[in-house]
Amino acid sequence: LVALVLVFGTISASLAALTNLSALTKVWPWLNAWLVDHQNWGILFQQITPMVMVIIYNIVPPLINLLLNLQRRRSTSECMVEFFRIYFHFLLIQVFLFYTFAGGLLQNIHEVVNHPVQFLGLLGKALPSNELFFLKYLVTRCFLLSLDLLRLTDVLVAFLRGIFRRSKTARERRTPCCGWHTVDHPNGGNI
């Protein structure tokens, strides 16, 4: 589980660095003039980060379920409680800590290197600059939650299983394959 946090933390920090418009306009001054001429692209570019993070973090629940099922030392209800506890902490660490600190540090990396004593003051000024990201992330997450309630991913997985696999018995249909449960036997981990 620590490996998941580190791998996805690197992805979060990279996204924070590569999609921060204020930091990118300092590095590439021509980008600011281009964004003034093409304002719609700037708005779209700012929407990409929360969308990519939500999509990437939707990969995590099946991985956590797979790891918890490999342990095989708990009942199903205890696995579900453990899953939600781990997933909550994972999202808290990834979305808040990694993205915020990476975004705050990368905006002021020049000042941090030149004046390391002022690190906390610079970080305190940079943290509130990510508030729009959190609002966009929340809206994107809630929008995609409505799609999750339609269970489109489970229907797609069931469809692909039906195409590529032979007919199964009722017991085989109930058992998960690669951590994925079928539509007729859902699990809390397929959020």
N, C-alpha and C. Protein backbone atom coordinates (compact mmCIF):
# COMPACT_ATOMS: atom_id res chain seq x y z
N LEU A 1 0.82 -1.20 0.00
CA LEU A 1 0.00 0.00 0.00
C LEU A 1 0.86 1.26 0.00
N VAL A 2 2.02 1.17 0.61
CA VAL A 2 2.94 2.31 0.59
C VAL A 2 3.42 2.55 -0.83
N ALA A 3 3.62 1.47 -1.58
CA ALA A 3 4.04 1.62 -2.98
C ALA A 3 2.97 2.34 -3.78
N LEU A 4 1.68 2.05 -3.52
CA LEU A 4 0.60 2.78 -4.21
C LEU A 4 0.67 4.28 -3.91
N VAL A 5 0.90 4.61 -2.64
CA VAL A 5 0.97 6.02 -2.25
C VAL A 5 2.14 6.70 -2.95
N LEU A 6 3.28 6.03 -3.00
CA LEU A 6 4.45 6.65 -3.62
C LEU A 6 4.30 6.78 -5.13
N VAL A 7 3.78 5.74 -5.78
CA VAL A 7 3.61 5.80 -7.24
C VAL A 7 2.61 6.89 -7.62
N PHE A 8 1.46 6.88 -6.96
CA PHE A 8 0.45 7.87 -7.29
C PHE A 8 0.82 9.25 -6.76
N GLY A 9 1.65 9.31 -5.72
CA GLY A 9 2.16 10.60 -5.26
C GLY A 9 3.07 11.25 -6.28
N THR A 10 3.87 10.44 -6.94
CA THR A 10 4.72 10.95 -8.01
C THR A 10 3.87 11.46 -9.17
N ILE A 11 2.81 10.74 -9.47
CA ILE A 11 1.91 11.18 -10.54
C ILE A 11 1.21 12.48 -10.15
N SER A 12 0.77 12.60 -8.89
CA SER A 12 0.10 13.82 -8.44
C SER A 12 1.05 15.01 -8.47
N ALA A 13 2.27 14.80 -8.00
CA ALA A 13 3.25 15.89 -8.02
C ALA A 13 3.60 16.30 -9.45
N SER A 14 3.70 15.34 -10.33
CA SER A 14 3.99 15.65 -11.73
C SER A 14 2.85 16.42 -12.36
N LEU A 15 1.61 16.01 -12.07
CA LEU A 15 0.46 16.75 -12.60
C LEU A 15 0.42 18.17 -12.05
N ALA A 16 0.74 18.31 -10.77
CA ALA A 16 0.75 19.65 -10.18
C ALA A 16 1.80 20.53 -10.86
N ALA A 17 2.93 19.95 -11.20
CA ALA A 17 3.98 20.74 -11.83
C ALA A 17 3.67 21.04 -13.29
N LEU A 18 3.14 20.07 -14.01
CA LEU A 18 2.94 20.24 -15.44
C LEU A 18 1.69 21.02 -15.80
N THR A 19 0.75 21.15 -14.88
CA THR A 19 -0.51 21.83 -15.23
C THR A 19 -0.74 23.11 -14.44
N ASN A 20 0.27 23.62 -13.77
CA ASN A 20 0.14 24.86 -13.02
C ASN A 20 0.46 26.02 -13.96
N LEU A 21 -0.58 26.74 -14.37
CA LEU A 21 -0.40 27.79 -15.37
C LEU A 21 0.47 28.94 -14.87
N SER A 22 0.34 29.31 -13.60
CA SER A 22 1.14 30.43 -13.11
C SER A 22 2.63 30.08 -13.11
N ALA A 23 2.97 28.84 -12.76
CA ALA A 23 4.37 28.43 -12.80
C ALA A 23 4.86 28.27 -14.24
N LEU A 24 3.99 27.76 -15.12
CA LEU A 24 4.40 27.59 -16.52
C LEU A 24 4.60 28.92 -17.23
N THR A 25 3.80 29.93 -16.89
CA THR A 25 3.99 31.24 -17.54
C THR A 25 5.26 31.92 -17.06
N LYS A 26 5.75 31.57 -15.86
CA LYS A 26 7.04 32.12 -15.41
C LYS A 26 8.19 31.48 -16.19
N VAL A 27 8.05 30.19 -16.49
CA VAL A 27 9.10 29.49 -17.23
C VAL A 27 9.07 29.85 -18.70
N TRP A 28 7.87 29.87 -19.28
CA TRP A 28 7.70 30.20 -20.69
C TRP A 28 6.87 31.47 -20.81
N PRO A 29 7.49 32.63 -20.93
CA PRO A 29 6.74 33.89 -20.99
C PRO A 29 5.81 33.99 -22.20
N TRP A 30 6.13 33.34 -23.29
CA TRP A 30 5.27 33.40 -24.47
C TRP A 30 3.91 32.74 -24.23
N LEU A 31 3.84 31.84 -23.23
CA LEU A 31 2.59 31.16 -22.93
C LEU A 31 1.53 32.12 -22.40
N ASN A 32 1.97 33.14 -21.67
CA ASN A 32 1.02 34.11 -21.13
C ASN A 32 0.35 34.89 -22.26
N ALA A 33 1.12 35.31 -23.26
CA ALA A 33 0.54 36.02 -24.40
C ALA A 33 -0.41 35.11 -25.19
N TRP A 34 -0.03 33.87 -25.34
CA TRP A 34 -0.89 32.93 -26.06
C TRP A 34 -2.20 32.69 -25.32
N LEU A 35 -2.13 32.59 -23.97
CA LEU A 35 -3.33 32.37 -23.17
C LEU A 35 -4.25 33.59 -23.20
N VAL A 36 -3.68 34.78 -23.33
CA VAL A 36 -4.51 35.98 -23.44
C VAL A 36 -5.29 35.95 -24.75
N ASP A 37 -4.64 35.52 -25.82
CA ASP A 37 -5.30 35.43 -27.12
C ASP A 37 -6.31 34.28 -27.18
N HIS A 38 -6.03 33.20 -26.49
CA HIS A 38 -6.88 32.01 -26.53
C HIS A 38 -7.34 31.67 -25.11
N GLN A 39 -8.27 32.43 -24.58
CA GLN A 39 -8.72 32.26 -23.20
C GLN A 39 -9.44 30.93 -22.99
N ASN A 40 -10.14 30.46 -23.99
CA ASN A 40 -10.87 29.19 -23.85
C ASN A 40 -9.92 28.03 -23.62
N TRP A 41 -8.76 28.06 -24.25
CA TRP A 41 -7.78 26.99 -24.06
C TRP A 41 -7.24 27.01 -22.64
N GLY A 42 -7.08 28.19 -22.07
CA GLY A 42 -6.62 28.29 -20.68
C GLY A 42 -7.61 27.69 -19.72
N ILE A 43 -8.90 27.95 -19.94
CA ILE A 43 -9.95 27.38 -19.09
C ILE A 43 -9.97 25.86 -19.24
N LEU A 44 -9.87 25.38 -20.47
CA LEU A 44 -9.85 23.94 -20.71
C LEU A 44 -8.63 23.30 -20.07
N PHE A 45 -7.48 23.96 -20.17
CA PHE A 45 -6.24 23.43 -19.60
C PHE A 45 -6.36 23.31 -18.08
N GLN A 46 -7.04 24.26 -17.44
CA GLN A 46 -7.21 24.19 -15.99
C GLN A 46 -8.18 23.09 -15.58
N GLN A 47 -9.09 22.69 -16.46
CA GLN A 47 -10.03 21.62 -16.17
C GLN A 47 -9.41 20.23 -16.35
N ILE A 48 -8.32 20.16 -17.07
CA ILE A 48 -7.72 18.86 -17.36
C ILE A 48 -7.16 18.20 -16.10
N THR A 49 -6.55 18.99 -15.22
CA THR A 49 -5.90 18.41 -14.04
C THR A 49 -6.87 17.65 -13.15
N PRO A 50 -8.00 18.26 -12.72
CA PRO A 50 -8.91 17.47 -11.87
C PRO A 50 -9.47 16.25 -12.59
N MET A 51 -9.74 16.38 -13.87
CA MET A 51 -10.30 15.25 -14.62
C MET A 51 -9.30 14.10 -14.69
N VAL A 52 -8.05 14.41 -14.98
CA VAL A 52 -7.03 13.36 -15.07
C VAL A 52 -6.82 12.70 -13.71
N MET A 53 -6.82 13.52 -12.64
CA MET A 53 -6.61 12.95 -11.31
C MET A 53 -7.76 12.03 -10.91
N VAL A 54 -8.98 12.43 -11.22
CA VAL A 54 -10.13 11.57 -10.89
C VAL A 54 -10.06 10.27 -11.68
N ILE A 55 -9.70 10.36 -12.95
CA ILE A 55 -9.61 9.15 -13.78
C ILE A 55 -8.50 8.24 -13.27
N ILE A 56 -7.35 8.81 -12.93
CA ILE A 56 -6.23 8.00 -12.44
C ILE A 56 -6.57 7.37 -11.09
N TYR A 57 -7.23 8.13 -10.23
CA TYR A 57 -7.55 7.60 -8.91
C TYR A 57 -8.69 6.60 -8.94
N ASN A 58 -9.40 6.46 -10.04
CA ASN A 58 -10.39 5.41 -10.17
C ASN A 58 -9.75 4.06 -10.45
N ILE A 59 -8.47 4.05 -10.73
CA ILE A 59 -7.74 2.80 -10.89
C ILE A 59 -7.43 2.18 -9.52
N VAL A 60 -7.37 3.02 -8.49
CA VAL A 60 -6.92 2.58 -7.18
C VAL A 60 -7.88 1.61 -6.47
N PRO A 61 -9.22 1.81 -6.47
CA PRO A 61 -10.08 0.88 -5.73
C PRO A 61 -9.92 -0.59 -6.12
N PRO A 62 -9.86 -0.95 -7.40
CA PRO A 62 -9.63 -2.38 -7.68
C PRO A 62 -8.26 -2.87 -7.19
N LEU A 63 -7.26 -2.00 -7.21
CA LEU A 63 -5.94 -2.41 -6.72
C LEU A 63 -5.97 -2.65 -5.21
N ILE A 64 -6.63 -1.75 -4.48
CA ILE A 64 -6.73 -1.94 -3.03
C ILE A 64 -7.53 -3.20 -2.71
N ASN A 65 -8.63 -3.41 -3.44
CA ASN A 65 -9.42 -4.63 -3.24
C ASN A 65 -8.58 -5.88 -3.50
N LEU A 66 -7.80 -5.85 -4.55
CA LEU A 66 -6.96 -6.99 -4.88
C LEU A 66 -5.96 -7.26 -3.76
N LEU A 67 -5.33 -6.21 -3.25
CA LEU A 67 -4.36 -6.38 -2.16
C LEU A 67 -5.03 -6.89 -0.89
N LEU A 68 -6.21 -6.37 -0.58
CA LEU A 68 -6.91 -6.84 0.63
C LEU A 68 -7.39 -8.28 0.48
N ASN A 69 -7.81 -8.66 -0.72
CA ASN A 69 -8.24 -10.04 -0.94
C ASN A 69 -7.07 -11.01 -0.92
N LEU A 70 -5.89 -10.54 -1.29
CA LEU A 70 -4.71 -11.40 -1.23
C LEU A 70 -4.30 -11.69 0.21
N GLN A 71 -4.62 -10.79 1.12
CA GLN A 71 -4.28 -11.02 2.53
C GLN A 71 -5.11 -12.14 3.13
N ARG A 72 -6.38 -12.24 2.75
CA ARG A 72 -7.28 -13.34 3.15
C ARG A 72 -7.29 -13.61 4.66
N ARG A 73 -7.20 -12.58 5.46
CA ARG A 73 -7.26 -12.80 6.90
C ARG A 73 -8.46 -12.11 7.53
N ARG A 74 -9.38 -11.62 6.71
CA ARG A 74 -10.54 -10.90 7.21
C ARG A 74 -11.80 -11.42 6.56
N SER A 75 -12.92 -11.09 7.18
CA SER A 75 -14.21 -11.38 6.55
C SER A 75 -14.48 -10.31 5.49
N THR A 76 -15.55 -10.52 4.73
CA THR A 76 -15.86 -9.57 3.66
C THR A 76 -16.20 -8.20 4.22
N SER A 77 -16.97 -8.15 5.30
CA SER A 77 -17.35 -6.85 5.87
C SER A 77 -16.13 -6.13 6.44
N GLU A 78 -15.22 -6.86 7.07
CA GLU A 78 -14.00 -6.24 7.58
C GLU A 78 -13.11 -5.75 6.45
N CYS A 79 -13.09 -6.49 5.33
CA CYS A 79 -12.33 -6.03 4.15
C CYS A 79 -12.91 -4.74 3.60
N MET A 80 -14.24 -4.64 3.58
CA MET A 80 -14.87 -3.42 3.07
C MET A 80 -14.57 -2.23 3.98
N VAL A 81 -14.63 -2.43 5.28
CA VAL A 81 -14.29 -1.35 6.22
C VAL A 81 -12.84 -0.94 6.04
N GLU A 82 -11.97 -1.92 5.93
CA GLU A 82 -10.54 -1.63 5.72
C GLU A 82 -10.31 -0.94 4.38
N PHE A 83 -11.06 -1.35 3.36
CA PHE A 83 -10.94 -0.72 2.05
C PHE A 83 -11.27 0.77 2.12
N PHE A 84 -12.40 1.10 2.74
CA PHE A 84 -12.79 2.51 2.80
C PHE A 84 -11.85 3.33 3.67
N ARG A 85 -11.31 2.72 4.70
CA ARG A 85 -10.34 3.43 5.54
C ARG A 85 -9.07 3.73 4.74
N ILE A 86 -8.58 2.72 4.04
CA ILE A 86 -7.36 2.91 3.24
C ILE A 86 -7.60 3.89 2.10
N TYR A 87 -8.74 3.77 1.44
CA TYR A 87 -9.02 4.65 0.30
C TYR A 87 -9.20 6.10 0.74
N PHE A 88 -9.81 6.33 1.91
CA PHE A 88 -9.94 7.69 2.43
C PHE A 88 -8.57 8.29 2.69
N HIS A 89 -7.72 7.54 3.38
CA HIS A 89 -6.38 8.05 3.67
C HIS A 89 -5.57 8.24 2.39
N PHE A 90 -5.75 7.34 1.45
CA PHE A 90 -5.04 7.48 0.17
C PHE A 90 -5.44 8.79 -0.52
N LEU A 91 -6.75 9.06 -0.62
CA LEU A 91 -7.19 10.30 -1.27
C LEU A 91 -6.77 11.53 -0.50
N LEU A 92 -6.80 11.46 0.82
CA LEU A 92 -6.37 12.60 1.62
C LEU A 92 -4.90 12.91 1.36
N ILE A 93 -4.08 11.87 1.36
CA ILE A 93 -2.65 12.07 1.12
C ILE A 93 -2.39 12.55 -0.30
N GLN A 94 -3.02 11.90 -1.27
CA GLN A 94 -2.74 12.23 -2.67
C GLN A 94 -3.25 13.60 -3.07
N VAL A 95 -4.54 13.82 -2.84
CA VAL A 95 -5.15 15.05 -3.36
C VAL A 95 -4.72 16.25 -2.54
N PHE A 96 -4.72 16.12 -1.24
CA PHE A 96 -4.40 17.29 -0.43
C PHE A 96 -2.89 17.49 -0.29
N LEU A 97 -2.21 16.50 0.25
CA LEU A 97 -0.80 16.70 0.57
C LEU A 97 0.11 16.76 -0.66
N PHE A 98 0.06 15.70 -1.48
CA PHE A 98 0.97 15.67 -2.61
C PHE A 98 0.70 16.82 -3.58
N TYR A 99 -0.55 17.00 -3.97
CA TYR A 99 -0.84 18.04 -4.95
C TYR A 99 -0.60 19.44 -4.38
N THR A 100 -1.01 19.67 -3.15
CA THR A 100 -0.86 20.99 -2.56
C THR A 100 0.60 21.34 -2.32
N PHE A 101 1.34 20.44 -1.70
CA PHE A 101 2.73 20.75 -1.43
C PHE A 101 3.55 20.81 -2.72
N ALA A 102 3.28 19.91 -3.64
CA ALA A 102 4.02 19.96 -4.90
C ALA A 102 3.68 21.24 -5.66
N GLY A 103 2.39 21.60 -5.70
CA GLY A 103 2.01 22.84 -6.38
C GLY A 103 2.59 24.06 -5.69
N GLY A 104 2.56 24.09 -4.37
CA GLY A 104 3.09 25.23 -3.62
C GLY A 104 4.60 25.34 -3.74
N LEU A 105 5.28 24.23 -3.69
CA LEU A 105 6.74 24.27 -3.79
C LEU A 105 7.21 24.62 -5.19
N LEU A 106 6.55 24.07 -6.18
CA LEU A 106 7.00 24.30 -7.55
C LEU A 106 6.70 25.73 -8.02
N GLN A 107 5.69 26.37 -7.42
CA GLN A 107 5.44 27.77 -7.76
C GLN A 107 6.56 28.66 -7.25
N ASN A 108 7.15 28.29 -6.13
CA ASN A 108 8.14 29.14 -5.47
C ASN A 108 9.49 28.46 -5.33
N ILE A 109 9.83 27.58 -6.23
CA ILE A 109 11.07 26.83 -6.11
C ILE A 109 12.30 27.74 -6.13
N HIS A 110 12.24 28.79 -6.91
CA HIS A 110 13.38 29.72 -6.99
C HIS A 110 13.58 30.42 -5.65
N GLU A 111 12.49 30.86 -5.02
CA GLU A 111 12.61 31.54 -3.73
C GLU A 111 13.02 30.59 -2.62
N VAL A 112 12.55 29.34 -2.69
CA VAL A 112 12.92 28.36 -1.67
C VAL A 112 14.41 28.05 -1.74
N VAL A 113 14.96 27.96 -2.94
CA VAL A 113 16.39 27.69 -3.09
C VAL A 113 17.22 28.87 -2.62
N ASN A 114 16.79 30.08 -2.97
CA ASN A 114 17.56 31.27 -2.60
C ASN A 114 17.40 31.65 -1.12
N HIS A 115 16.22 31.46 -0.56
CA HIS A 115 15.94 31.84 0.83
C HIS A 115 15.25 30.69 1.55
N PRO A 116 16.00 29.65 1.96
CA PRO A 116 15.36 28.49 2.58
C PRO A 116 14.71 28.79 3.93
N VAL A 117 15.10 29.88 4.58
CA VAL A 117 14.51 30.23 5.87
C VAL A 117 13.05 30.65 5.69
N GLN A 118 12.71 31.21 4.55
CA GLN A 118 11.36 31.69 4.30
C GLN A 118 10.45 30.61 3.70
N PHE A 119 10.85 29.37 3.82
CA PHE A 119 10.10 28.27 3.22
C PHE A 119 8.65 28.21 3.71
N LEU A 120 8.44 28.27 5.02
CA LEU A 120 7.08 28.16 5.56
C LEU A 120 6.22 29.35 5.17
N GLY A 121 6.81 30.53 5.14
CA GLY A 121 6.05 31.71 4.72
C GLY A 121 5.63 31.61 3.26
N LEU A 122 6.53 31.15 2.41
CA LEU A 122 6.20 30.98 0.99
C LEU A 122 5.16 29.88 0.79
N LEU A 123 5.29 28.82 1.56
CA LEU A 123 4.32 27.73 1.46
C LEU A 123 2.95 28.20 1.94
N GLY A 124 2.92 29.01 2.98
CA GLY A 124 1.66 29.55 3.48
C GLY A 124 0.98 30.47 2.48
N LYS A 125 1.76 31.16 1.67
CA LYS A 125 1.18 32.01 0.63
C LYS A 125 0.75 31.19 -0.59
N ALA A 126 1.45 30.09 -0.84
CA ALA A 126 1.16 29.30 -2.04
C ALA A 126 -0.01 28.34 -1.84
N LEU A 127 -0.26 27.88 -0.62
CA LEU A 127 -1.32 26.91 -0.39
C LEU A 127 -2.70 27.44 -0.78
N PRO A 128 -3.07 28.68 -0.43
CA PRO A 128 -4.40 29.15 -0.84
C PRO A 128 -4.57 29.31 -2.35
N SER A 129 -3.49 29.30 -3.09
CA SER A 129 -3.62 29.45 -4.55
C SER A 129 -4.18 28.20 -5.21
N ASN A 130 -4.29 27.11 -4.48
CA ASN A 130 -4.82 25.86 -5.04
C ASN A 130 -6.31 25.68 -4.77
N GLU A 131 -6.99 26.69 -4.24
CA GLU A 131 -8.39 26.51 -3.88
C GLU A 131 -9.27 26.23 -5.08
N LEU A 132 -8.96 26.80 -6.23
CA LEU A 132 -9.77 26.52 -7.42
C LEU A 132 -9.61 25.07 -7.87
N PHE A 133 -8.42 24.53 -7.68
CA PHE A 133 -8.23 23.13 -8.03
C PHE A 133 -9.14 22.24 -7.19
N PHE A 134 -9.21 22.50 -5.88
CA PHE A 134 -10.03 21.66 -5.01
C PHE A 134 -11.51 21.76 -5.37
N LEU A 135 -11.97 22.95 -5.71
CA LEU A 135 -13.36 23.10 -6.13
C LEU A 135 -13.62 22.34 -7.43
N LYS A 136 -12.70 22.46 -8.39
CA LYS A 136 -12.86 21.75 -9.66
C LYS A 136 -12.79 20.24 -9.45
N TYR A 137 -11.90 19.81 -8.56
CA TYR A 137 -11.78 18.38 -8.26
C TYR A 137 -13.07 17.87 -7.66
N LEU A 138 -13.64 18.62 -6.72
CA LEU A 138 -14.88 18.20 -6.08
C LEU A 138 -16.04 18.13 -7.07
N VAL A 139 -16.15 19.12 -7.93
CA VAL A 139 -17.23 19.12 -8.93
C VAL A 139 -17.03 17.96 -9.91
N THR A 140 -15.81 17.75 -10.35
CA THR A 140 -15.52 16.65 -11.28
C THR A 140 -15.81 15.31 -10.62
N ARG A 141 -15.40 15.17 -9.38
CA ARG A 141 -15.62 13.91 -8.66
C ARG A 141 -17.12 13.63 -8.48
N CYS A 142 -17.88 14.68 -8.14
CA CYS A 142 -19.33 14.51 -7.96
C CYS A 142 -20.01 14.19 -9.30
N PHE A 143 -19.55 14.82 -10.38
CA PHE A 143 -20.12 14.51 -11.70
C PHE A 143 -19.84 13.06 -12.07
N LEU A 144 -18.61 12.63 -11.87
CA LEU A 144 -18.28 11.25 -12.21
C LEU A 144 -18.91 10.26 -11.24
N LEU A 145 -19.22 10.72 -10.02
CA LEU A 145 -19.95 9.85 -9.09
C LEU A 145 -21.34 9.55 -9.62
N SER A 146 -21.96 10.54 -10.26
CA SER A 146 -23.27 10.28 -10.86
C SER A 146 -23.16 9.25 -11.98
N LEU A 147 -22.04 9.27 -12.71
CA LEU A 147 -21.83 8.24 -13.73
C LEU A 147 -21.55 6.88 -13.08
N ASP A 148 -20.89 6.90 -11.94
CA ASP A 148 -20.65 5.64 -11.23
C ASP A 148 -21.94 5.04 -10.72
N LEU A 149 -22.89 5.89 -10.35
CA LEU A 149 -24.18 5.37 -9.90
C LEU A 149 -24.93 4.68 -11.03
N LEU A 150 -24.65 5.07 -12.26
CA LEU A 150 -25.24 4.38 -13.40
C LEU A 150 -24.55 3.04 -13.67
N ARG A 151 -23.39 2.84 -13.03
CA ARG A 151 -22.61 1.60 -13.11
C ARG A 151 -22.18 1.27 -14.53
N LEU A 152 -21.77 2.31 -15.25
CA LEU A 152 -21.34 2.11 -16.63
C LEU A 152 -20.09 1.25 -16.71
N THR A 153 -19.16 1.43 -15.76
CA THR A 153 -17.94 0.61 -15.80
C THR A 153 -18.26 -0.85 -15.55
N ASP A 154 -19.18 -1.13 -14.62
CA ASP A 154 -19.54 -2.52 -14.35
C ASP A 154 -20.25 -3.16 -15.54
N VAL A 155 -21.09 -2.39 -16.21
CA VAL A 155 -21.78 -2.90 -17.40
C VAL A 155 -20.76 -3.17 -18.50
N LEU A 156 -19.79 -2.28 -18.66
CA LEU A 156 -18.75 -2.48 -19.67
C LEU A 156 -17.91 -3.71 -19.36
N VAL A 157 -17.53 -3.87 -18.09
CA VAL A 157 -16.75 -5.04 -17.69
C VAL A 157 -17.54 -6.32 -17.92
N ALA A 158 -18.83 -6.31 -17.58
CA ALA A 158 -19.68 -7.49 -17.80
C ALA A 158 -19.81 -7.79 -19.29
N PHE A 159 -19.92 -6.75 -20.09
CA PHE A 159 -20.02 -6.94 -21.54
C PHE A 159 -18.73 -7.55 -22.09
N LEU A 160 -17.59 -7.00 -21.67
CA LEU A 160 -16.31 -7.53 -22.15
C LEU A 160 -16.07 -8.96 -21.66
N ARG A 161 -16.48 -9.25 -20.45
CA ARG A 161 -16.37 -10.62 -19.96
C ARG A 161 -17.23 -11.57 -20.78
N GLY A 162 -18.43 -11.13 -21.13
CA GLY A 162 -19.32 -11.97 -21.93
C GLY A 162 -18.77 -12.24 -23.31
N ILE A 163 -18.05 -11.29 -23.86
CA ILE A 163 -17.48 -11.47 -25.20
C ILE A 163 -16.29 -12.42 -25.17
N PHE A 164 -15.40 -12.24 -24.21
CA PHE A 164 -14.12 -12.94 -24.23
C PHE A 164 -14.05 -14.20 -23.37
N ARG A 165 -15.11 -14.52 -22.65
CA ARG A 165 -15.04 -15.69 -21.78
C ARG A 165 -16.14 -16.67 -22.12
N ARG A 166 -15.92 -17.91 -21.78
CA ARG A 166 -16.91 -18.95 -22.02
C ARG A 166 -18.06 -18.80 -21.03
N SER A 167 -19.10 -19.56 -21.22
CA SER A 167 -20.23 -19.55 -20.28
C SER A 167 -19.76 -20.09 -18.94
N LYS A 168 -20.24 -19.46 -17.89
CA LYS A 168 -19.80 -19.87 -16.56
C LYS A 168 -21.00 -20.33 -15.74
N THR A 169 -20.71 -21.09 -14.72
CA THR A 169 -21.76 -21.51 -13.80
C THR A 169 -22.11 -20.33 -12.89
N ALA A 170 -23.18 -20.48 -12.13
CA ALA A 170 -23.61 -19.40 -11.23
C ALA A 170 -22.55 -19.10 -10.18
N ARG A 171 -21.89 -20.14 -9.69
CA ARG A 171 -20.85 -19.94 -8.69
C ARG A 171 -19.65 -19.21 -9.29
N GLU A 172 -19.26 -19.56 -10.51
CA GLU A 172 -18.15 -18.87 -11.18
C GLU A 172 -18.49 -17.41 -11.46
N ARG A 173 -19.75 -17.12 -11.73
CA ARG A 173 -20.14 -15.73 -11.97
C ARG A 173 -20.06 -14.88 -10.70
N ARG A 174 -20.25 -15.50 -9.55
CA ARG A 174 -20.20 -14.76 -8.29
C ARG A 174 -18.77 -14.45 -7.85
N THR A 175 -17.81 -15.25 -8.27
CA THR A 175 -16.44 -15.03 -7.83
C THR A 175 -15.80 -13.92 -8.66
N PRO A 176 -15.07 -13.03 -8.01
CA PRO A 176 -14.46 -11.91 -8.74
C PRO A 176 -13.30 -12.39 -9.61
N CYS A 177 -13.11 -11.69 -10.70
CA CYS A 177 -11.99 -11.97 -11.59
C CYS A 177 -11.10 -10.74 -11.61
N CYS A 178 -9.86 -10.88 -11.18
CA CYS A 178 -8.91 -9.76 -11.11
C CYS A 178 -9.43 -8.64 -10.21
N GLY A 179 -10.17 -8.98 -9.18
CA GLY A 179 -10.69 -7.98 -8.27
C GLY A 179 -11.97 -7.31 -8.72
N TRP A 180 -12.49 -7.65 -9.90
CA TRP A 180 -13.71 -7.03 -10.43
C TRP A 180 -14.89 -7.97 -10.20
N HIS A 181 -15.97 -7.40 -9.69
CA HIS A 181 -17.19 -8.16 -9.48
C HIS A 181 -18.16 -7.88 -10.63
N THR A 182 -19.07 -8.79 -10.84
CA THR A 182 -20.02 -8.63 -11.94
C THR A 182 -21.14 -7.67 -11.53
N VAL A 183 -21.95 -7.29 -12.51
CA VAL A 183 -23.04 -6.37 -12.27
C VAL A 183 -24.09 -6.99 -11.35
N ASP A 184 -24.37 -8.29 -11.53
CA ASP A 184 -25.40 -8.92 -10.73
C ASP A 184 -24.94 -9.25 -9.31
N HIS A 185 -23.64 -9.18 -9.03
CA HIS A 185 -23.12 -9.38 -7.68
C HIS A 185 -22.12 -8.25 -7.38
N PRO A 186 -22.62 -7.04 -7.09
CA PRO A 186 -21.71 -5.90 -6.88
C PRO A 186 -20.95 -6.00 -5.56
N ASN A 187 -19.94 -5.16 -5.47
CA ASN A 187 -19.11 -5.10 -4.27
C ASN A 187 -18.84 -3.63 -3.99
N GLY A 188 -18.61 -3.27 -2.75
CA GLY A 188 -18.35 -1.88 -2.38
C GLY A 188 -17.07 -1.33 -2.96
N GLY A 189 -16.16 -2.19 -3.37
CA GLY A 189 -14.90 -1.72 -3.92
C GLY A 189 -14.99 -1.22 -5.35
N ASN A 190 -16.06 -1.57 -6.06
CA ASN A 190 -16.23 -1.09 -7.43
C ASN A 190 -16.94 0.25 -7.43
N ILE A 191 -16.32 1.22 -6.81
CA ILE A 191 -16.95 2.53 -6.68
C ILE A 191 -16.77 3.30 -7.97
